Amino acid sequence: TVEQFLDGLDTLAEDFGVEELHQVATEMRQEE
């Protein structure tokens, strides 16, 4: 689902220390 995909982005951001992925996930959640 979109939510599962975004949760995956957050996990990747945490695992690899990529803050931009958190930002993308947050923006997409807002849009959705």
Full PDB file with SEQRES, HELIX, SHEET, SSBOND, CRYST1, ORIGX, SCALE, CONECT and MASTER records, all heavy atoms in Angstrom:
SEQRES   1 A   32  THR VAL GLU GLN PHE LEU ASP GLY LEU ASP THR LEU ALA          
SEQRES   2 A   32  GLU ASP PHE GLY VAL GLU GLU LEU HIS GLN VAL ALA THR          
SEQRES   3 A   32  GLU MET ARG GLN GLU GLU                                      
HELIX    1 AA1 VAL A    2  PHE A   16  1                                  15    
HELIX    2 AA2 GLU A   19  GLU A   31  1                                  13    
CRYST1    1.000    1.000    1.000  90.00  90.00  90.00 P 1           1          
ORIGX1      1.000000  0.000000  0.000000        0.00000                         
ORIGX2      0.000000  1.000000  0.000000        0.00000                         
ORIGX3      0.000000  0.000000  1.000000        0.00000                         
SCALE1      1.000000  0.000000  0.000000        0.00000                         
SCALE2      0.000000  1.000000  0.000000        0.00000                         
SCALE3      0.000000  0.000000  1.000000        0.00000                         
ATOM      1  N   THR A   1       0.866  -1.178   0.000  1.00  0.00           N  
ATOM      2  CA  THR A   1       0.000   0.000   0.000  1.00  0.00           C  
ATOM      3  C   THR A   1       0.903   1.227   0.000  1.00  0.00           C  
ATOM      4  O   THR A   1       2.112   1.138   0.250  1.00  0.00           O  
ATOM      5  CB  THR A   1      -0.895   0.034   1.252  1.00  0.00           C  
ATOM      6  OG1 THR A   1      -0.051   0.175   2.398  1.00  0.00           O  
ATOM      7  CG2 THR A   1      -1.753  -1.220   1.360  1.00  0.00           C  
ATOM      8  N   VAL A   2       0.324   2.383  -0.254  1.00  0.00           N  
ATOM      9  CA  VAL A   2       1.096   3.621  -0.228  1.00  0.00           C  
ATOM     10  C   VAL A   2       1.737   3.799   1.148  1.00  0.00           C  
ATOM     11  O   VAL A   2       2.924   4.136   1.259  1.00  0.00           O  
ATOM     12  CB  VAL A   2       0.194   4.835  -0.577  1.00  0.00           C  
ATOM     13  CG1 VAL A   2       0.934   6.141  -0.365  1.00  0.00           C  
ATOM     14  CG2 VAL A   2      -0.314   4.726  -2.007  1.00  0.00           C  
ATOM     15  N   GLU A   3       0.964   3.523   2.192  1.00  0.00           N  
ATOM     16  CA  GLU A   3       1.486   3.671   3.550  1.00  0.00           C  
ATOM     17  C   GLU A   3       2.657   2.715   3.807  1.00  0.00           C  
ATOM     18  O   GLU A   3       3.669   3.102   4.403  1.00  0.00           O  
ATOM     19  CB  GLU A   3       0.375   3.442   4.570  1.00  0.00           C  
ATOM     20  CG  GLU A   3       0.750   3.889   5.951  1.00  0.00           C  
ATOM     21  CD  GLU A   3      -0.455   3.964   6.884  1.00  0.00           C  
ATOM     22  OE1 GLU A   3      -1.582   3.672   6.465  1.00  0.00           O  
ATOM     23  OE2 GLU A   3      -0.217   4.305   8.051  1.00  0.00           O  
ATOM     24  N   GLN A   4       2.544   1.472   3.334  1.00  0.00           N  
ATOM     25  CA  GLN A   4       3.642   0.517   3.506  1.00  0.00           C  
ATOM     26  C   GLN A   4       4.885   0.976   2.749  1.00  0.00           C  
ATOM     27  O   GLN A   4       6.008   0.849   3.234  1.00  0.00           O  
ATOM     28  CB  GLN A   4       3.221  -0.872   3.031  1.00  0.00           C  
ATOM     29  CG  GLN A   4       2.198  -1.544   3.919  1.00  0.00           C  
ATOM     30  CD  GLN A   4       1.607  -2.789   3.274  1.00  0.00           C  
ATOM     31  OE1 GLN A   4       1.471  -2.872   2.052  1.00  0.00           O  
ATOM     32  NE2 GLN A   4       1.248  -3.752   4.105  1.00  0.00           N  
ATOM     33  N   PHE A   5       4.671   1.516   1.549  1.00  0.00           N  
ATOM     34  CA  PHE A   5       5.789   2.020   0.754  1.00  0.00           C  
ATOM     35  C   PHE A   5       6.505   3.160   1.485  1.00  0.00           C  
ATOM     36  O   PHE A   5       7.728   3.187   1.584  1.00  0.00           O  
ATOM     37  CB  PHE A   5       5.295   2.491  -0.616  1.00  0.00           C  
ATOM     38  CG  PHE A   5       6.353   3.155  -1.442  1.00  0.00           C  
ATOM     39  CD1 PHE A   5       7.327   2.409  -2.083  1.00  0.00           C  
ATOM     40  CD2 PHE A   5       6.377   4.542  -1.570  1.00  0.00           C  
ATOM     41  CE1 PHE A   5       8.317   3.025  -2.839  1.00  0.00           C  
ATOM     42  CE2 PHE A   5       7.357   5.167  -2.328  1.00  0.00           C  
ATOM     43  CZ  PHE A   5       8.329   4.401  -2.961  1.00  0.00           C  
ATOM     44  N   LEU A   6       5.710   4.081   2.028  1.00  0.00           N  
ATOM     45  CA  LEU A   6       6.290   5.220   2.737  1.00  0.00           C  
ATOM     46  C   LEU A   6       6.987   4.783   4.020  1.00  0.00           C  
ATOM     47  O   LEU A   6       8.040   5.333   4.375  1.00  0.00           O  
ATOM     48  CB  LEU A   6       5.212   6.268   3.019  1.00  0.00           C  
ATOM     49  CG  LEU A   6       4.604   6.907   1.764  1.00  0.00           C  
ATOM     50  CD1 LEU A   6       3.460   7.842   2.137  1.00  0.00           C  
ATOM     51  CD2 LEU A   6       5.662   7.622   0.943  1.00  0.00           C  
ATOM     52  N   ASP A   7       6.429   3.799   4.708  1.00  0.00           N  
ATOM     53  CA  ASP A   7       7.101   3.242   5.886  1.00  0.00           C  
ATOM     54  C   ASP A   7       8.451   2.651   5.485  1.00  0.00           C  
ATOM     55  O   ASP A   7       9.440   2.776   6.215  1.00  0.00           O  
ATOM     56  CB  ASP A   7       6.244   2.174   6.556  1.00  0.00           C  
ATOM     57  CG  ASP A   7       5.025   2.738   7.270  1.00  0.00           C  
ATOM     58  OD1 ASP A   7       4.970   3.974   7.492  1.00  0.00           O  
ATOM     59  OD2 ASP A   7       4.123   1.944   7.608  1.00  0.00           O  
ATOM     60  N   GLY A   8       8.488   2.016   4.326  1.00  0.00           N  
ATOM     61  CA  GLY A   8       9.744   1.468   3.815  1.00  0.00           C  
ATOM     62  C   GLY A   8      10.764   2.556   3.527  1.00  0.00           C  
ATOM     63  O   GLY A   8      11.956   2.392   3.801  1.00  0.00           O  
ATOM     64  N   LEU A   9      10.293   3.681   2.980  1.00  0.00           N  
ATOM     65  CA  LEU A   9      11.200   4.804   2.752  1.00  0.00           C  
ATOM     66  C   LEU A   9      11.782   5.308   4.067  1.00  0.00           C  
ATOM     67  O   LEU A   9      12.977   5.594   4.166  1.00  0.00           O  
ATOM     68  CB  LEU A   9      10.467   5.958   2.052  1.00  0.00           C  
ATOM     69  CG  LEU A   9      10.265   5.869   0.552  1.00  0.00           C  
ATOM     70  CD1 LEU A   9       9.575   7.138   0.038  1.00  0.00           C  
ATOM     71  CD2 LEU A   9      11.569   5.644  -0.184  1.00  0.00           C  
ATOM     72  N   ASP A  10      10.920   5.407   5.076  1.00  0.00           N  
ATOM     73  CA  ASP A  10      11.398   5.846   6.392  1.00  0.00           C  
ATOM     74  C   ASP A  10      12.436   4.881   6.955  1.00  0.00           C  
ATOM     75  O   ASP A  10      13.449   5.303   7.521  1.00  0.00           O  
ATOM     76  CB  ASP A  10      10.231   5.997   7.371  1.00  0.00           C  
ATOM     77  CG  ASP A  10       9.434   7.265   7.150  1.00  0.00           C  
ATOM     78  OD1 ASP A  10      10.016   8.269   6.682  1.00  0.00           O  
ATOM     79  OD2 ASP A  10       8.220   7.254   7.450  1.00  0.00           O  
ATOM     80  N   THR A  11      12.205   3.603   6.798  1.00  0.00           N  
ATOM     81  CA  THR A  11      13.158   2.602   7.282  1.00  0.00           C  
ATOM     82  C   THR A  11      14.492   2.725   6.557  1.00  0.00           C  
ATOM     83  O   THR A  11      15.556   2.694   7.186  1.00  0.00           O  
ATOM     84  CB  THR A  11      12.582   1.178   7.102  1.00  0.00           C  
ATOM     85  OG1 THR A  11      11.368   1.088   7.840  1.00  0.00           O  
ATOM     86  CG2 THR A  11      13.559   0.111   7.568  1.00  0.00           C  
ATOM     87  N   LEU A  12      14.423   2.891   5.242  1.00  0.00           N  
ATOM     88  CA  LEU A  12      15.660   3.077   4.472  1.00  0.00           C  
ATOM     89  C   LEU A  12      16.394   4.336   4.915  1.00  0.00           C  
ATOM     90  O   LEU A  12      17.619   4.342   5.048  1.00  0.00           O  
ATOM     91  CB  LEU A  12      15.356   3.147   2.973  1.00  0.00           C  
ATOM     92  CG  LEU A  12      14.973   1.847   2.293  1.00  0.00           C  
ATOM     93  CD1 LEU A  12      14.531   2.103   0.861  1.00  0.00           C  
ATOM     94  CD2 LEU A  12      16.143   0.873   2.317  1.00  0.00           C  
ATOM     95  N   ALA A  13      15.640   5.416   5.127  1.00  0.00           N  
ATOM     96  CA  ALA A  13      16.256   6.677   5.565  1.00  0.00           C  
ATOM     97  C   ALA A  13      16.994   6.487   6.884  1.00  0.00           C  
ATOM     98  O   ALA A  13      18.114   6.985   7.059  1.00  0.00           O  
ATOM     99  CB  ALA A  13      15.187   7.756   5.693  1.00  0.00           C  
ATOM    100  N   GLU A  14      16.356   5.757   7.808  1.00  0.00           N  
ATOM    101  CA  GLU A  14      16.993   5.503   9.106  1.00  0.00           C  
ATOM    102  C   GLU A  14      18.209   4.596   8.965  1.00  0.00           C  
ATOM    103  O   GLU A  14      19.270   4.860   9.542  1.00  0.00           O  
ATOM    104  CB  GLU A  14      15.987   4.878  10.073  1.00  0.00           C  
ATOM    105  CG  GLU A  14      14.886   5.820  10.515  1.00  0.00           C  
ATOM    106  CD  GLU A  14      13.774   5.106  11.285  1.00  0.00           C  
ATOM    107  OE1 GLU A  14      14.002   3.965  11.748  1.00  0.00           O  
ATOM    108  OE2 GLU A  14      12.700   5.695  11.408  1.00  0.00           O  
ATOM    109  N   ASP A  15      18.048   3.521   8.192  1.00  0.00           N  
ATOM    110  CA  ASP A  15      19.132   2.547   8.057  1.00  0.00           C  
ATOM    111  C   ASP A  15      20.367   3.136   7.385  1.00  0.00           C  
ATOM    112  O   ASP A  15      21.495   2.786   7.729  1.00  0.00           O  
ATOM    113  CB  ASP A  15      18.663   1.320   7.270  1.00  0.00           C  
ATOM    114  CG  ASP A  15      17.671   0.460   8.051  1.00  0.00           C  
ATOM    115  OD1 ASP A  15      17.516   0.699   9.272  1.00  0.00           O  
ATOM    116  OD2 ASP A  15      17.056  -0.432   7.434  1.00  0.00           O  
ATOM    117  N   PHE A  16      20.149   4.035   6.410  1.00  0.00           N  
ATOM    118  CA  PHE A  16      21.270   4.569   5.641  1.00  0.00           C  
ATOM    119  C   PHE A  16      21.581   6.034   5.953  1.00  0.00           C  
ATOM    120  O   PHE A  16      22.444   6.633   5.321  1.00  0.00           O  
ATOM    121  CB  PHE A  16      21.014   4.385   4.140  1.00  0.00           C  
ATOM    122  CG  PHE A  16      21.009   2.937   3.736  1.00  0.00           C  
ATOM    123  CD1 PHE A  16      19.822   2.249   3.550  1.00  0.00           C  
ATOM    124  CD2 PHE A  16      22.203   2.240   3.574  1.00  0.00           C  
ATOM    125  CE1 PHE A  16      19.816   0.904   3.194  1.00  0.00           C  
ATOM    126  CE2 PHE A  16      22.206   0.908   3.219  1.00  0.00           C  
ATOM    127  CZ  PHE A  16      21.004   0.230   3.031  1.00  0.00           C  
ATOM    128  N   GLY A  17      20.841   6.597   6.893  1.00  0.00           N  
ATOM    129  CA  GLY A  17      21.106   7.972   7.298  1.00  0.00           C  
ATOM    130  C   GLY A  17      20.862   8.983   6.193  1.00  0.00           C  
ATOM    131  O   GLY A  17      21.626   9.938   6.043  1.00  0.00           O  
ATOM    132  N   VAL A  18      19.788   8.790   5.415  1.00  0.00           N  
ATOM    133  CA  VAL A  18      19.478   9.690   4.307  1.00  0.00           C  
ATOM    134  C   VAL A  18      18.229  10.490   4.669  1.00  0.00           C  
ATOM    135  O   VAL A  18      17.099  10.045   4.471  1.00  0.00           O  
ATOM    136  CB  VAL A  18      19.265   8.901   2.985  1.00  0.00           C  
ATOM    137  CG1 VAL A  18      18.989   9.850   1.830  1.00  0.00           C  
ATOM    138  CG2 VAL A  18      20.457   8.016   2.689  1.00  0.00           C  
ATOM    139  N   GLU A  19      18.450  11.693   5.192  1.00  0.00           N  
ATOM    140  CA  GLU A  19      17.350  12.532   5.665  1.00  0.00           C  
ATOM    141  C   GLU A  19      16.390  12.913   4.537  1.00  0.00           C  
ATOM    142  O   GLU A  19      15.192  13.086   4.759  1.00  0.00           O  
ATOM    143  CB  GLU A  19      17.899  13.790   6.335  1.00  0.00           C  
ATOM    144  CG  GLU A  19      16.856  14.700   6.929  1.00  0.00           C  
ATOM    145  CD  GLU A  19      15.939  14.008   7.939  1.00  0.00           C  
ATOM    146  OE1 GLU A  19      16.398  13.119   8.674  1.00  0.00           O  
ATOM    147  OE2 GLU A  19      14.736  14.351   7.985  1.00  0.00           O  
ATOM    148  N   GLU A  20      16.908  13.014   3.319  1.00  0.00           N  
ATOM    149  CA  GLU A  20      16.052  13.395   2.180  1.00  0.00           C  
ATOM    150  C   GLU A  20      14.902  12.397   1.984  1.00  0.00           C  
ATOM    151  O   GLU A  20      13.810  12.789   1.586  1.00  0.00           O  
ATOM    152  CB  GLU A  20      16.877  13.509   0.883  1.00  0.00           C  
ATOM    153  CG  GLU A  20      17.864  14.645   0.872  1.00  0.00           C  
ATOM    154  CD  GLU A  20      19.189  14.284   1.558  1.00  0.00           C  
ATOM    155  OE1 GLU A  20      19.424  13.090   1.876  1.00  0.00           O  
ATOM    156  OE2 GLU A  20      19.978  15.213   1.787  1.00  0.00           O  
ATOM    157  N   LEU A  21      15.153  11.129   2.251  1.00  0.00           N  
ATOM    158  CA  LEU A  21      14.089  10.124   2.117  1.00  0.00           C  
ATOM    159  C   LEU A  21      12.989  10.366   3.143  1.00  0.00           C  
ATOM    160  O   LEU A  21      11.807  10.196   2.851  1.00  0.00           O  
ATOM    161  CB  LEU A  21      14.654   8.704   2.262  1.00  0.00           C  
ATOM    162  CG  LEU A  21      15.456   8.159   1.095  1.00  0.00           C  
ATOM    163  CD1 LEU A  21      15.983   6.763   1.420  1.00  0.00           C  
ATOM    164  CD2 LEU A  21      14.629   8.136  -0.174  1.00  0.00           C  
ATOM    165  N   HIS A  22      13.357  10.755   4.358  1.00  0.00           N  
ATOM    166  CA  HIS A  22      12.356  11.119   5.366  1.00  0.00           C  
ATOM    167  C   HIS A  22      11.506  12.282   4.864  1.00  0.00           C  
ATOM    168  O   HIS A  22      10.284  12.274   5.015  1.00  0.00           O  
ATOM    169  CB  HIS A  22      13.019  11.527   6.693  1.00  0.00           C  
ATOM    170  CG  HIS A  22      13.261  10.400   7.637  1.00  0.00           C  
ATOM    171  ND1 HIS A  22      12.272   9.571   8.092  1.00  0.00           N  
ATOM    172  CD2 HIS A  22      14.408   9.983   8.235  1.00  0.00           C  
ATOM    173  CE1 HIS A  22      12.785   8.683   8.919  1.00  0.00           C  
ATOM    174  NE2 HIS A  22      14.089   8.906   9.020  1.00  0.00           N  
ATOM    175  N   GLN A  23      12.155  13.259   4.273  1.00  0.00           N  
ATOM    176  CA  GLN A  23      11.442  14.434   3.773  1.00  0.00           C  
ATOM    177  C   GLN A  23      10.464  14.042   2.667  1.00  0.00           C  
ATOM    178  O   GLN A  23       9.322  14.494   2.649  1.00  0.00           O  
ATOM    179  CB  GLN A  23      12.428  15.493   3.276  1.00  0.00           C  
ATOM    180  CG  GLN A  23      13.246  16.116   4.387  1.00  0.00           C  
ATOM    181  CD  GLN A  23      14.396  16.961   3.867  1.00  0.00           C  
ATOM    182  OE1 GLN A  23      14.719  16.930   2.685  1.00  0.00           O  
ATOM    183  NE2 GLN A  23      15.038  17.708   4.764  1.00  0.00           N  
ATOM    184  N   VAL A  24      10.918  13.196   1.753  1.00  0.00           N  
ATOM    185  CA  VAL A  24      10.050  12.734   0.665  1.00  0.00           C  
ATOM    186  C   VAL A  24       8.853  11.975   1.231  1.00  0.00           C  
ATOM    187  O   VAL A  24       7.706  12.200   0.833  1.00  0.00           O  
ATOM    188  CB  VAL A  24      10.834  11.857  -0.344  1.00  0.00           C  
ATOM    189  CG1 VAL A  24       9.901  11.159  -1.319  1.00  0.00           C  
ATOM    190  CG2 VAL A  24      11.865  12.693  -1.089  1.00  0.00           C  
ATOM    191  N   ALA A  25       9.116  11.076   2.179  1.00  0.00           N  
ATOM    192  CA  ALA A  25       8.029  10.298   2.776  1.00  0.00           C  
ATOM    193  C   ALA A  25       7.039  11.209   3.485  1.00  0.00           C  
ATOM    194  O   ALA A  25       5.814  11.032   3.359  1.00  0.00           O  
ATOM    195  CB  ALA A  25       8.595   9.261   3.749  1.00  0.00           C  
ATOM    196  N   THR A  26       7.541  12.209   4.198  1.00  0.00           N  
ATOM    197  CA  THR A  26       6.662  13.145   4.909  1.00  0.00           C  
ATOM    198  C   THR A  26       5.809  13.933   3.921  1.00  0.00           C  
ATOM    199  O   THR A  26       4.592  14.080   4.113  1.00  0.00           O  
ATOM    200  CB  THR A  26       7.504  14.106   5.780  1.00  0.00           C  
ATOM    201  OG1 THR A  26       8.236  13.326   6.723  1.00  0.00           O  
ATOM    202  CG2 THR A  26       6.618  15.093   6.513  1.00  0.00           C  
ATOM    203  N   GLU A  27       6.397  14.426   2.859  1.00  0.00           N  
ATOM    204  CA  GLU A  27       5.651  15.186   1.850  1.00  0.00           C  
ATOM    205  C   GLU A  27       4.587  14.311   1.179  1.00  0.00           C  
ATOM    206  O   GLU A  27       3.462  14.758   0.968  1.00  0.00           O  
ATOM    207  CB  GLU A  27       6.614  15.742   0.791  1.00  0.00           C  
ATOM    208  CG  GLU A  27       7.510  16.864   1.302  1.00  0.00           C  
ATOM    209  CD  GLU A  27       8.591  17.250   0.308  1.00  0.00           C  
ATOM    210  OE1 GLU A  27       8.535  16.814  -0.865  1.00  0.00           O  
ATOM    211  OE2 GLU A  27       9.510  17.991   0.709  1.00  0.00           O  
ATOM    212  N   MET A  28       4.954  13.084   0.870  1.00  0.00           N  
ATOM    213  CA  MET A  28       3.986  12.187   0.211  1.00  0.00           C  
ATOM    214  C   MET A  28       2.833  11.855   1.154  1.00  0.00           C  
ATOM    215  O   MET A  28       1.687  11.774   0.723  1.00  0.00           O  
ATOM    216  CB  MET A  28       4.688  10.914  -0.280  1.00  0.00           C  
ATOM    217  CG  MET A  28       5.622  11.171  -1.462  1.00  0.00           C  
ATOM    218  SD  MET A  28       6.417   9.665  -2.042  1.00  0.00           S  
ATOM    219  CE  MET A  28       5.074   8.866  -2.879  1.00  0.00           C  
ATOM    220  N   ARG A  29       3.126  11.672   2.432  1.00  0.00           N  
ATOM    221  CA  ARG A  29       2.051  11.417   3.406  1.00  0.00           C  
ATOM    222  C   ARG A  29       1.082  12.599   3.455  1.00  0.00           C  
ATOM    223  O   ARG A  29      -0.134  12.399   3.513  1.00  0.00           O  
ATOM    224  CB  ARG A  29       2.629  11.149   4.796  1.00  0.00           C  
ATOM    225  CG  ARG A  29       3.119   9.743   5.000  1.00  0.00           C  
ATOM    226  CD  ARG A  29       3.460   9.474   6.479  1.00  0.00           C  
ATOM    227  NE  ARG A  29       3.819   8.090   6.648  1.00  0.00           N  
ATOM    228  CZ  ARG A  29       5.040   7.598   6.486  1.00  0.00           C  
ATOM    229  NH1 ARG A  29       6.018   8.413   6.173  1.00  0.00           N  
ATOM    230  NH2 ARG A  29       5.273   6.321   6.646  1.00  0.00           N  
ATOM    231  N   GLN A  30       1.616  13.791   3.423  1.00  0.00           N  
ATOM    232  CA  GLN A  30       0.779  14.985   3.439  1.00  0.00           C  
ATOM    233  C   GLN A  30      -0.107  15.048   2.184  1.00  0.00           C  
ATOM    234  O   GLN A  30      -1.300  15.327   2.263  1.00  0.00           O  
ATOM    235  CB  GLN A  30       1.610  16.257   3.578  1.00  0.00           C  
ATOM    236  CG  GLN A  30       2.242  16.396   4.944  1.00  0.00           C  
ATOM    237  CD  GLN A  30       3.272  17.528   5.014  1.00  0.00           C  
ATOM    238  OE1 GLN A  30       3.694  18.066   4.000  1.00  0.00           O  
ATOM    239  NE2 GLN A  30       3.684  17.852   6.239  1.00  0.00           N  
ATOM    240  N   GLU A  31       0.501  14.754   1.048  1.00  0.00           N  
ATOM    241  CA  GLU A  31      -0.245  14.766  -0.220  1.00  0.00           C  
ATOM    242  C   GLU A  31      -1.348  13.706  -0.224  1.00  0.00           C  
ATOM    243  O   GLU A  31      -2.418  13.928  -0.772  1.00  0.00           O  
ATOM    244  CB  GLU A  31       0.702  14.536  -1.404  1.00  0.00           C  
ATOM    245  CG  GLU A  31       1.621  15.689  -1.685  1.00  0.00           C  
ATOM    246  CD  GLU A  31       2.626  15.357  -2.765  1.00  0.00           C  
ATOM    247  OE1 GLU A  31       2.472  14.322  -3.465  1.00  0.00           O  
ATOM    248  OE2 GLU A  31       3.605  16.112  -2.920  1.00  0.00           O  
ATOM    249  N   GLU A  32      -1.058  12.547   0.360  1.00  0.00           N  
ATOM    250  CA  GLU A  32      -2.020  11.439   0.395  1.00  0.00           C  
ATOM    251  C   GLU A  32      -3.016  11.562   1.548  1.00  0.00           C  
ATOM    252  O   GLU A  32      -3.965  10.780   1.630  1.00  0.00           O  
ATOM    253  CB  GLU A  32      -1.280  10.093   0.506  1.00  0.00           C  
ATOM    254  CG  GLU A  32      -0.433   9.747  -0.696  1.00  0.00           C  
ATOM    255  CD  GLU A  32      -1.265   9.405  -1.916  1.00  0.00           C  
ATOM    256  OE1 GLU A  32      -2.361   8.820  -1.767  1.00  0.00           O  
ATOM    257  OE2 GLU A  32      -0.820   9.735  -3.024  1.00  0.00           O  
TER     258      GLU A  32                                                      
MASTER        0    0    0    2    0    0    0    6  257    1    0    3          
END                                                                             
